[in-house]
Protein backbone atom coordinates (compact mmCIF):
# COMPACT_ATOMS: atom_id res chain seq x y z
CA MET A 1 -38.32 2.07 14.22
CA CYS A 2 -35.41 -0.37 13.98
CA ILE A 3 -32.53 0.24 11.61
CA THR A 4 -30.22 -2.59 10.72
CA ILE A 5 -26.76 -1.83 9.41
CA MET A 6 -25.15 -4.52 7.35
CA ALA A 7 -21.38 -4.65 7.75
CA ARG A 8 -19.29 -5.60 4.76
CA ASN A 9 -16.99 -8.41 5.72
CA ASN A 10 -13.57 -8.50 4.17
CA PRO A 11 -12.76 -12.07 3.10
CA ASN A 12 -9.12 -11.44 4.04
CA GLY A 13 -9.88 -10.68 7.69
CA ALA A 14 -9.40 -6.91 7.59
CA ASN A 15 -11.59 -4.65 9.69
CA GLY A 16 -11.34 -1.23 11.32
CA THR A 17 -8.44 -2.27 13.55
CA THR A 18 -6.81 -5.10 11.61
CA SER A 19 -5.16 -4.47 8.27
CA ASP A 20 -5.65 -6.61 5.23
CA PRO A 21 -2.69 -9.02 4.94
CA ARG A 22 -2.48 -8.14 1.25
CA GLU A 23 -1.32 -4.64 2.21
CA GLN A 24 2.12 -5.80 3.35
CA LYS A 25 2.46 -8.18 0.42
CA THR A 26 1.48 -5.42 -2.01
CA TRP A 27 3.96 -3.02 -0.41
CA ASP A 28 6.76 -5.59 -0.50
CA ARG A 29 6.12 -6.32 -4.18
CA TYR A 30 5.95 -2.58 -4.94
CA VAL A 31 9.34 -1.97 -3.27
CA VAL A 32 10.94 -4.94 -5.07
CA ASN A 33 9.64 -3.55 -8.36
CA LEU A 34 11.01 -0.10 -7.46
CA THR A 35 14.48 -1.60 -7.11
CA LYS A 36 14.06 -2.82 -10.70
CA GLY A 37 13.03 0.65 -11.86
CA ILE A 38 9.31 -0.17 -12.04
CA ASP A 39 7.13 2.36 -10.16
CA ASN A 40 3.76 0.65 -10.58
CA ALA A 41 1.60 0.26 -7.48
CA TYR A 42 -1.37 -0.89 -9.57
CA GLN A 43 0.59 -3.87 -10.89
CA ALA A 44 1.72 -4.84 -7.39
CA ALA A 45 -1.84 -4.63 -6.05
CA VAL A 46 -3.31 -6.76 -8.84
CA GLU A 47 -0.59 -9.37 -8.41
CA GLU A 48 -1.47 -9.61 -4.70
CA GLY A 49 -5.16 -10.22 -5.33
CA TYR A 50 -6.84 -6.81 -5.19
CA SER A 51 -9.70 -6.23 -7.60
CA ASP A 52 -8.98 -4.09 -10.64
CA ASP A 53 -11.03 -1.18 -9.26
CA HIS A 54 -9.32 -1.25 -5.88
CA ALA A 55 -5.88 -1.66 -7.44
CA ARG A 56 -6.44 1.43 -9.60
CA ASN A 57 -6.92 3.45 -6.41
CA ILE A 58 -4.28 1.78 -4.23
CA THR A 59 -2.11 4.91 -4.08
CA LEU A 60 -5.04 6.77 -2.49
CA GLN A 61 -5.15 4.40 0.48
CA GLY A 62 -3.90 5.85 3.76
CA TRP A 63 -1.55 2.96 4.49
CA PHE A 64 0.07 3.27 1.06
CA LYS A 65 0.47 7.05 1.33
CA GLU A 66 2.10 6.71 4.77
CA ARG A 67 4.57 4.08 3.64
CA LYS A 68 5.47 5.96 0.45
CA ALA A 69 6.08 9.17 2.42
CA LYS A 70 8.34 7.28 4.81
CA LEU A 71 10.22 5.75 1.88
CA LYS A 72 10.72 9.21 0.35
CA ARG A 73 12.05 10.58 3.66
CA LYS A 74 14.54 7.70 3.90
CA ASP A 75 15.62 8.29 0.30
CA MET A 76 16.09 12.03 0.92
CA LEU A 77 18.09 11.32 4.08
CA SER A 78 20.29 8.86 2.22
CA LYS A 79 20.93 11.36 -0.58
CA SER A 80 21.76 14.17 1.86
CA GLU A 81 24.17 11.90 3.77
CA LYS A 82 26.01 11.18 0.51
CA VAL A 83 26.25 14.89 -0.29
CA LEU A 84 27.60 15.70 3.18
CA SER A 85 30.20 12.95 3.21
C-alpha cells in the first residue's frame, strides 16, 4: 500500500522552518497602530494580505503570541523603571 501526502504550499514561501514574510509586516503594522491607540491585530493582518479567516485567528498564532508577550515585558519594565526613578 502506498500513501501519498500532499503538502500545502504557501504562496508566500513559508514552510516549517521559514516564516511567512507577512508576519513581520503584520507585526510592524500592529505596533504602529498601537502607538496610535488602535489595538487591532485583525486589521493589521488583513491589510498585509492574510485571508479573513486567518486574520480573525492571528492572535492565536505562536509567532504573534511570542512577540506580544515580549512587548508586554518591555512595557512592564519601562513602567517599573519610571516608578523607581
